[in-house]
Amino acid sequence: MIGGLSVLAVIPARGGSKGVPGKNVRPVGGRPLIEWTIRAAQGSRYVDRTVLSSDDAGIIAVAQEAGCEVPFVRAAELATDEAGSVEVVVDAVERVGAHDLVVLLQPTSPLRRAEDVDAALQTLIATGAPSCVSVTEATDHPWLIFGEDAGRLIAYCAPPPGASLRRQDLPAAWVLNGAVYAVRTDALMADRALFHPGRSALHVMPADRSVDIDTLADLDRAEALLAEIRPVP
């Protein structure tokens, strides 16, 4: 609990990954990929209950072996490419019973730590925001990114008139890294949203903890970084 509020962590991991087949249970850094996320949830000072939402027997077995609770099997209609994270988290909340706060922890972020989970929850409480999401610094600033219209460059996000475009003068720009979504349950259920633009608070994570596994190259990078971490027995 944090501030007298109960916390549910939901780890969504469906089978049938196409980009990296079987990625959620692939050995990475000496452990199945999903175990890194389970350990982060278990290490949190504030998470009261951690549950897996999965349709895949292999993933479920690995998660249970790591000590994660699996109180239900995800319905087939929520295990398609079209099913969104919000629907999966709402389903988990409705199945296991409401907690005051919900944390979505995707297994594709193996370098996220328990301290990141706790920091996001602390920021959520301190700010009174409906949600707090993890971010990392954008590699390309939006003021320097352009689209095209009729053969001409057009700015996606035009800077204010007279603003300096020297990199050292650019204001901070953040991108969601997918590692932590902490949300008040009432806001989740009312808005059907994990992220509230203009109202969400943020927890900044360094780039080397923000790897999101989507391709084999991502997996190789995570493997290299996790190889430096000795697994806890």
C-alpha atoms as a PDB file:
ATOM      1  CA  MET A   1       0.000   0.000   0.000  1.00  0.00           C
ATOM      2  CA  ILE A   2       0.977   3.613  -0.414  1.00  0.00           C
ATOM      3  CA  GLY A   3      -0.716   6.471   1.402  1.00  0.00           C
ATOM      4  CA  GLY A   4      -3.360   4.041   2.635  1.00  0.00           C
ATOM      5  CA  LEU A   5      -4.207   3.002  -0.939  1.00  0.00           C
ATOM      6  CA  SER A   6      -3.977  -0.591  -2.180  1.00  0.00           C
ATOM      7  CA  VAL A   7      -2.001  -1.371  -5.326  1.00  0.00           C
ATOM      8  CA  LEU A   8      -2.605  -4.060  -7.952  1.00  0.00           C
ATOM      9  CA  ALA A   9       0.108  -4.849 -10.515  1.00  0.00           C
ATOM     10  CA  VAL A  10      -1.038  -6.401 -13.793  1.00  0.00           C
ATOM     11  CA  ILE A  11       1.439  -8.124 -16.119  1.00  0.00           C
ATOM     12  CA  PRO A  12      -0.106  -8.722 -19.570  1.00  0.00           C
ATOM     13  CA  ALA A  13       1.552 -11.444 -21.652  1.00  0.00           C
ATOM     14  CA  ARG A  14      -0.357 -13.077 -24.464  1.00  0.00           C
ATOM     15  CA  GLY A  15       0.974 -15.876 -26.630  1.00  0.00           C
ATOM     16  CA  GLY A  16       1.462 -15.670 -30.359  1.00  0.00           C
ATOM     17  CA  SER A  17       4.093 -12.934 -30.637  1.00  0.00           C
ATOM     18  CA  LYS A  18       4.948 -12.444 -34.303  1.00  0.00           C
ATOM     19  CA  GLY A  19       7.958 -10.118 -34.242  1.00  0.00           C
ATOM     20  CA  VAL A  20       9.882 -12.277 -31.764  1.00  0.00           C
ATOM     21  CA  PRO A  21       8.178 -15.691 -31.421  1.00  0.00           C
ATOM     22  CA  GLY A  22       7.898 -16.844 -27.819  1.00  0.00           C
ATOM     23  CA  LYS A  23       9.594 -13.676 -26.598  1.00  0.00           C
ATOM     24  CA  ASN A  24       7.896 -13.536 -23.201  1.00  0.00           C
ATOM     25  CA  VAL A  25       9.566 -16.772 -22.104  1.00  0.00           C
ATOM     26  CA  ARG A  26      12.834 -16.488 -24.019  1.00  0.00           C
ATOM     27  CA  PRO A  27      15.939 -16.685 -21.815  1.00  0.00           C
ATOM     28  CA  VAL A  28      17.419 -13.213 -21.477  1.00  0.00           C
ATOM     29  CA  GLY A  29      20.194 -12.361 -19.061  1.00  0.00           C
ATOM     30  CA  GLY A  30      19.868 -15.759 -17.396  1.00  0.00           C
ATOM     31  CA  ARG A  31      16.084 -15.673 -16.870  1.00  0.00           C
ATOM     32  CA  PRO A  32      12.901 -15.945 -18.940  1.00  0.00           C
ATOM     33  CA  LEU A  33      12.091 -12.456 -20.190  1.00  0.00           C
ATOM     34  CA  ILE A  34       8.860 -12.208 -18.196  1.00  0.00           C
ATOM     35  CA  GLU A  35      10.624 -13.049 -14.944  1.00  0.00           C
ATOM     36  CA  TRP A  36      12.429  -9.698 -14.937  1.00  0.00           C
ATOM     37  CA  THR A  37       9.075  -7.925 -14.746  1.00  0.00           C
ATOM     38  CA  ILE A  38       7.732 -10.304 -12.119  1.00  0.00           C
ATOM     39  CA  ARG A  39      10.814  -9.631  -9.983  1.00  0.00           C
ATOM     40  CA  ALA A  40      10.335  -5.880 -10.346  1.00  0.00           C
ATOM     41  CA  ALA A  41       6.753  -6.175  -9.096  1.00  0.00           C
ATOM     42  CA  GLN A  42       7.783  -8.470  -6.248  1.00  0.00           C
ATOM     43  CA  GLY A  43      10.496  -6.029  -5.222  1.00  0.00           C
ATOM     44  CA  SER A  44       8.140  -3.052  -5.005  1.00  0.00           C
ATOM     45  CA  ARG A  45       7.498  -1.621  -1.556  1.00  0.00           C
ATOM     46  CA  TYR A  46       3.945  -0.702  -2.483  1.00  0.00           C
ATOM     47  CA  VAL A  47       2.474  -3.403  -4.717  1.00  0.00           C
ATOM     48  CA  ASP A  48       0.021  -5.526  -2.718  1.00  0.00           C
ATOM     49  CA  ARG A  49      -0.875  -8.064  -5.368  1.00  0.00           C
ATOM     50  CA  THR A  50       0.649  -9.046  -8.712  1.00  0.00           C
ATOM     51  CA  VAL A  51      -1.333 -10.980 -11.306  1.00  0.00           C
ATOM     52  CA  LEU A  52      -0.589 -12.268 -14.774  1.00  0.00           C
ATOM     53  CA  SER A  53      -3.108 -11.904 -17.596  1.00  0.00           C
ATOM     54  CA  SER A  54      -2.306 -14.477 -20.271  1.00  0.00           C
ATOM     55  CA  ASP A  55      -3.944 -16.943 -22.645  1.00  0.00           C
ATOM     56  CA  ASP A  56      -0.807 -19.032 -23.073  1.00  0.00           C
ATOM     57  CA  ALA A  57      -0.158 -22.158 -20.993  1.00  0.00           C
ATOM     58  CA  GLY A  58       3.616 -21.915 -21.424  1.00  0.00           C
ATOM     59  CA  ILE A  59       3.738 -18.316 -20.237  1.00  0.00           C
ATOM     60  CA  ILE A  60       1.445 -19.126 -17.328  1.00  0.00           C
ATOM     61  CA  ALA A  61       3.692 -22.003 -16.228  1.00  0.00           C
ATOM     62  CA  VAL A  62       6.820 -19.853 -16.319  1.00  0.00           C
ATOM     63  CA  ALA A  63       5.105 -17.036 -14.420  1.00  0.00           C
ATOM     64  CA  GLN A  64       3.827 -19.383 -11.723  1.00  0.00           C
ATOM     65  CA  GLU A  65       7.293 -20.893 -11.362  1.00  0.00           C
ATOM     66  CA  ALA A  66       8.573 -17.357 -10.721  1.00  0.00           C
ATOM     67  CA  GLY A  67       5.960 -16.873  -7.999  1.00  0.00           C
ATOM     68  CA  CYS A  68       3.446 -14.767  -9.914  1.00  0.00           C
ATOM     69  CA  GLU A  69      -0.244 -15.260  -9.216  1.00  0.00           C
ATOM     70  CA  VAL A  70      -2.358 -16.402 -12.184  1.00  0.00           C
ATOM     71  CA  PRO A  71      -5.979 -16.311 -10.964  1.00  0.00           C
ATOM     72  CA  PHE A  72      -7.543 -16.593 -14.429  1.00  0.00           C
ATOM     73  CA  VAL A  73      -6.845 -17.345 -18.099  1.00  0.00           C
ATOM     74  CA  ARG A  74      -7.361 -14.414 -20.434  1.00  0.00           C
ATOM     75  CA  ALA A  75     -10.307 -14.742 -22.806  1.00  0.00           C
ATOM     76  CA  ALA A  76      -9.489 -15.364 -26.461  1.00  0.00           C
ATOM     77  CA  GLU A  77     -11.087 -12.100 -27.598  1.00  0.00           C
ATOM     78  CA  LEU A  78      -8.623 -10.185 -25.412  1.00  0.00           C
ATOM     79  CA  ALA A  79      -5.607 -12.052 -26.800  1.00  0.00           C
ATOM     80  CA  THR A  80      -5.680 -10.771 -30.380  1.00  0.00           C
ATOM     81  CA  ASP A  81      -3.496  -8.188 -32.096  1.00  0.00           C
ATOM     82  CA  GLU A  82      -6.428  -5.781 -31.970  1.00  0.00           C
ATOM     83  CA  ALA A  83      -7.028  -6.019 -28.210  1.00  0.00           C
ATOM     84  CA  GLY A  84      -5.711  -2.993 -26.357  1.00  0.00           C
ATOM     85  CA  SER A  85      -3.852  -2.816 -23.053  1.00  0.00           C
ATOM     86  CA  VAL A  86      -6.670  -0.835 -21.450  1.00  0.00           C
ATOM     87  CA  GLU A  87      -9.203  -3.580 -22.101  1.00  0.00           C
ATOM     88  CA  VAL A  88      -6.813  -6.181 -20.700  1.00  0.00           C
ATOM     89  CA  VAL A  89      -6.187  -4.196 -17.499  1.00  0.00           C
ATOM     90  CA  VAL A  90      -9.883  -3.432 -17.004  1.00  0.00           C
ATOM     91  CA  ASP A  91     -10.629  -7.133 -17.424  1.00  0.00           C
ATOM     92  CA  ALA A  92      -8.040  -8.011 -14.770  1.00  0.00           C
ATOM     93  CA  VAL A  93      -9.444  -5.442 -12.332  1.00  0.00           C
ATOM     94  CA  GLU A  94     -12.962  -6.757 -12.821  1.00  0.00           C
ATOM     95  CA  ARG A  95     -11.834 -10.353 -12.334  1.00  0.00           C
ATOM     96  CA  VAL A  96      -9.659 -10.012  -9.212  1.00  0.00           C
ATOM     97  CA  GLY A  97     -11.451  -7.194  -7.405  1.00  0.00           C
ATOM     98  CA  ALA A  98     -10.813  -3.505  -7.237  1.00  0.00           C
ATOM     99  CA  HIS A  99      -7.717  -1.934  -5.716  1.00  0.00           C
ATOM    100  CA  ASP A 100      -7.263   1.805  -5.329  1.00  0.00           C
ATOM    101  CA  LEU A 101      -4.355   1.964  -7.769  1.00  0.00           C
ATOM    102  CA  VAL A 102      -3.340  -0.205 -10.724  1.00  0.00           C
ATOM    103  CA  VAL A 103       0.131  -0.566 -12.216  1.00  0.00           C
ATOM    104  CA  LEU A 104       0.518  -1.993 -15.718  1.00  0.00           C
ATOM    105  CA  LEU A 105       3.933  -3.649 -16.118  1.00  0.00           C
ATOM    106  CA  GLN A 106       4.601  -4.935 -19.610  1.00  0.00           C
ATOM    107  CA  PRO A 107       6.991  -7.908 -19.790  1.00  0.00           C
ATOM    108  CA  THR A 108       8.765  -6.343 -22.763  1.00  0.00           C
ATOM    109  CA  SER A 109      10.546  -3.876 -20.434  1.00  0.00           C
ATOM    110  CA  PRO A 110      13.008  -6.151 -18.622  1.00  0.00           C
ATOM    111  CA  LEU A 111      15.345  -3.394 -17.440  1.00  0.00           C
ATOM    112  CA  ARG A 112      12.682  -1.551 -15.462  1.00  0.00           C
ATOM    113  CA  ARG A 113      13.401  -1.856 -11.734  1.00  0.00           C
ATOM    114  CA  ALA A 114      11.283  -2.057  -8.609  1.00  0.00           C
ATOM    115  CA  GLU A 115      12.487   1.462  -7.808  1.00  0.00           C
ATOM    116  CA  ASP A 116      10.891   2.695 -11.049  1.00  0.00           C
ATOM    117  CA  VAL A 117       7.568   1.149 -10.053  1.00  0.00           C
ATOM    118  CA  ASP A 118       7.781   2.755  -6.620  1.00  0.00           C
ATOM    119  CA  ALA A 119       8.863   6.145  -7.963  1.00  0.00           C
ATOM    120  CA  ALA A 120       5.918   6.238 -10.383  1.00  0.00           C
ATOM    121  CA  LEU A 121       3.507   5.412  -7.553  1.00  0.00           C
ATOM    122  CA  GLN A 122       5.071   8.042  -5.297  1.00  0.00           C
ATOM    123  CA  THR A 123       4.723  10.664  -8.034  1.00  0.00           C
ATOM    124  CA  LEU A 124       1.120   9.632  -8.666  1.00  0.00           C
ATOM    125  CA  ILE A 125       0.279  10.206  -5.006  1.00  0.00           C
ATOM    126  CA  ALA A 126       2.349  13.373  -4.602  1.00  0.00           C
ATOM    127  CA  THR A 127       0.878  15.101  -7.659  1.00  0.00           C
ATOM    128  CA  GLY A 128      -2.734  13.973  -7.312  1.00  0.00           C
ATOM    129  CA  ALA A 129      -2.682  13.178 -11.045  1.00  0.00           C
ATOM    130  CA  PRO A 130      -5.019  10.519 -12.460  1.00  0.00           C
ATOM    131  CA  SER A 131      -2.022   8.605 -13.783  1.00  0.00           C
ATOM    132  CA  CYS A 132       1.766   8.563 -13.921  1.00  0.00           C
ATOM    133  CA  VAL A 133       3.678   7.079 -16.832  1.00  0.00           C
ATOM    134  CA  SER A 134       7.346   6.299 -17.363  1.00  0.00           C
ATOM    135  CA  VAL A 135       9.216   8.219 -20.041  1.00  0.00           C
ATOM    136  CA  THR A 136      12.708   8.568 -21.429  1.00  0.00           C
ATOM    137  CA  GLU A 137      14.384  11.420 -23.277  1.00  0.00           C
ATOM    138  CA  ALA A 138      13.474  11.613 -26.959  1.00  0.00           C
ATOM    139  CA  THR A 139      16.367  10.780 -29.247  1.00  0.00           C
ATOM    140  CA  ASP A 140      15.035  13.207 -31.878  1.00  0.00           C
ATOM    141  CA  HIS A 141      13.468  16.476 -30.747  1.00  0.00           C
ATOM    142  CA  PRO A 142       9.975  17.109 -32.188  1.00  0.00           C
ATOM    143  CA  TRP A 143      11.022  20.602 -33.325  1.00  0.00           C
ATOM    144  CA  LEU A 144      13.540  18.924 -35.643  1.00  0.00           C
ATOM    145  CA  ILE A 145      11.166  16.376 -37.177  1.00  0.00           C
ATOM    146  CA  PHE A 146       9.314  17.065 -40.405  1.00  0.00           C
ATOM    147  CA  GLY A 147       6.644  15.584 -42.588  1.00  0.00           C
ATOM    148  CA  GLU A 148       6.044  16.125 -46.290  1.00  0.00           C
ATOM    149  CA  ASP A 149       3.248  17.792 -48.203  1.00  0.00           C
ATOM    150  CA  ALA A 150       3.305  18.120 -51.989  1.00  0.00           C
ATOM    151  CA  GLY A 151       7.077  17.730 -52.038  1.00  0.00           C
ATOM    152  CA  ARG A 152       7.707  20.296 -49.297  1.00  0.00           C
ATOM    153  CA  LEU A 153       8.873  19.768 -45.736  1.00  0.00           C
ATOM    154  CA  ILE A 154       6.351  20.683 -43.046  1.00  0.00           C
ATOM    155  CA  ALA A 155       6.998  20.738 -39.323  1.00  0.00           C
ATOM    156  CA  TYR A 156       5.183  18.202 -37.173  1.00  0.00           C
ATOM    157  CA  CYS A 157       5.601  20.477 -34.176  1.00  0.00           C
ATOM    158  CA  ALA A 158       6.631  23.999 -35.111  1.00  0.00           C
ATOM    159  CA  PRO A 159       8.807  25.815 -32.523  1.00  0.00           C
ATOM    160  CA  PRO A 160       7.740  29.229 -31.207  1.00  0.00           C
ATOM    161  CA  PRO A 161       8.873  32.154 -33.385  1.00  0.00           C
ATOM    162  CA  GLY A 162      12.477  33.052 -32.669  1.00  0.00           C
ATOM    163  CA  ALA A 163      13.240  29.870 -30.728  1.00  0.00           C
ATOM    164  CA  SER A 164      16.784  28.551 -30.987  1.00  0.00           C
ATOM    165  CA  LEU A 165      17.116  25.182 -32.690  1.00  0.00           C
ATOM    166  CA  ARG A 166      20.590  24.492 -31.327  1.00  0.00           C
ATOM    167  CA  ARG A 167      20.415  21.143 -29.548  1.00  0.00           C
ATOM    168  CA  GLN A 168      21.768  22.580 -26.312  1.00  0.00           C
ATOM    169  CA  ASP A 169      18.927  25.142 -26.277  1.00  0.00           C
ATOM    170  CA  LEU A 170      16.045  22.783 -26.991  1.00  0.00           C
ATOM    171  CA  PRO A 171      13.540  22.210 -24.162  1.00  0.00           C
ATOM    172  CA  ALA A 172      13.183  18.717 -22.730  1.00  0.00           C
ATOM    173  CA  ALA A 173      11.200  16.269 -24.859  1.00  0.00           C
ATOM    174  CA  TRP A 174      10.028  12.908 -23.559  1.00  0.00           C
ATOM    175  CA  VAL A 175       8.649   9.727 -25.112  1.00  0.00           C
ATOM    176  CA  LEU A 176       6.640   6.997 -23.389  1.00  0.00           C
ATOM    177  CA  ASN A 177       8.887   3.983 -22.857  1.00  0.00           C
ATOM    178  CA  GLY A 178       6.116   1.523 -21.945  1.00  0.00           C
ATOM    179  CA  ALA A 179       7.734   0.357 -18.704  1.00  0.00           C
ATOM    180  CA  VAL A 180       5.305   1.662 -16.062  1.00  0.00           C
ATOM    181  CA  TYR A 181       1.715   2.885 -16.221  1.00  0.00           C
ATOM    182  CA  ALA A 182       0.377   3.742 -12.767  1.00  0.00           C
ATOM    183  CA  VAL A 183      -3.253   4.847 -12.676  1.00  0.00           C
ATOM    184  CA  ARG A 184      -5.975   5.475 -10.143  1.00  0.00           C
ATOM    185  CA  THR A 185      -8.565   2.758 -10.559  1.00  0.00           C
ATOM    186  CA  ASP A 186     -11.482   5.168 -10.596  1.00  0.00           C
ATOM    187  CA  ALA A 187      -9.832   7.130 -13.432  1.00  0.00           C
ATOM    188  CA  LEU A 188      -9.072   3.918 -15.316  1.00  0.00           C
ATOM    189  CA  MET A 189     -12.643   2.698 -15.140  1.00  0.00           C
ATOM    190  CA  ALA A 190     -14.235   6.087 -15.844  1.00  0.00           C
ATOM    191  CA  ASP A 191     -11.991   7.096 -18.750  1.00  0.00           C
ATOM    192  CA  ARG A 192     -10.962   3.663 -20.025  1.00  0.00           C
ATOM    193  CA  ALA A 193      -7.444   5.084 -20.247  1.00  0.00           C
ATOM    194  CA  LEU A 194      -4.016   4.415 -18.758  1.00  0.00           C
ATOM    195  CA  PHE A 195      -2.604   7.737 -19.927  1.00  0.00           C
ATOM    196  CA  HIS A 196      -4.217  11.160 -19.651  1.00  0.00           C
ATOM    197  CA  PRO A 197      -2.552  13.732 -21.948  1.00  0.00           C
ATOM    198  CA  GLY A 198      -2.279  17.089 -20.236  1.00  0.00           C
ATOM    199  CA  ARG A 199      -2.979  15.539 -16.824  1.00  0.00           C
ATOM    200  CA  SER A 200      -0.645  12.562 -16.423  1.00  0.00           C
ATOM    201  CA  ALA A 201       2.445  12.895 -14.258  1.00  0.00           C
ATOM    202  CA  LEU A 202       5.757  11.450 -15.444  1.00  0.00           C
ATOM    203  CA  HIS A 203       8.579   9.314 -14.113  1.00  0.00           C
ATOM    204  CA  VAL A 204      11.824   9.767 -16.062  1.00  0.00           C
ATOM    205  CA  MET A 205      13.919   6.673 -16.765  1.00  0.00           C
ATOM    206  CA  PRO A 206      17.368   6.533 -18.388  1.00  0.00           C
ATOM    207  CA  ALA A 207      17.700   5.126 -21.890  1.00  0.00           C
ATOM    208  CA  ASP A 208      19.554   2.035 -20.697  1.00  0.00           C
ATOM    209  CA  ARG A 209      16.535   1.001 -18.605  1.00  0.00           C
ATOM    210  CA  SER A 210      14.001   1.881 -21.302  1.00  0.00           C
ATOM    211  CA  VAL A 211      14.557  -0.930 -23.804  1.00  0.00           C
ATOM    212  CA  ASP A 212      11.198  -2.184 -25.104  1.00  0.00           C
ATOM    213  CA  ILE A 213      11.377  -5.598 -26.769  1.00  0.00           C
ATOM    214  CA  ASP A 214       9.678  -5.489 -30.155  1.00  0.00           C
ATOM    215  CA  THR A 215      12.339  -6.870 -32.509  1.00  0.00           C
ATOM    216  CA  LEU A 216      15.265  -9.272 -32.418  1.00  0.00           C
ATOM    217  CA  ALA A 217      17.593  -6.266 -32.321  1.00  0.00           C
ATOM    218  CA  ASP A 218      15.826  -5.047 -29.171  1.00  0.00           C
ATOM    219  CA  LEU A 219      16.245  -8.505 -27.678  1.00  0.00           C
ATOM    220  CA  ASP A 220      19.972  -8.511 -28.454  1.00  0.00           C
ATOM    221  CA  ARG A 221      20.389  -5.101 -26.848  1.00  0.00           C
ATOM    222  CA  ALA A 222      18.506  -6.187 -23.734  1.00  0.00           C
ATOM    223  CA  GLU A 223      20.570  -9.379 -23.576  1.00  0.00           C
ATOM    224  CA  ALA A 224      23.782  -7.363 -23.654  1.00  0.00           C
ATOM    225  CA  LEU A 225      22.603  -5.013 -20.904  1.00  0.00           C
ATOM    226  CA  LEU A 226      21.137  -7.755 -18.727  1.00  0.00           C
ATOM    227  CA  ALA A 227      24.277  -9.855 -19.066  1.00  0.00           C
ATOM    228  CA  GLU A 228      25.884  -7.326 -16.740  1.00  0.00           C
ATOM    229  CA  ILE A 229      23.277  -8.042 -14.038  1.00  0.00           C
ATOM    230  CA  ARG A 230      23.730 -11.122 -11.881  1.00  0.00           C
ATOM    231  CA  PRO A 231      20.340 -12.854 -11.427  1.00  0.00           C
ATOM    232  CA  VAL A 232      19.107 -13.172  -7.874  1.00  0.00           C
ATOM    233  CA  PRO A 233      18.841 -16.909  -6.949  1.00  0.00           C
END
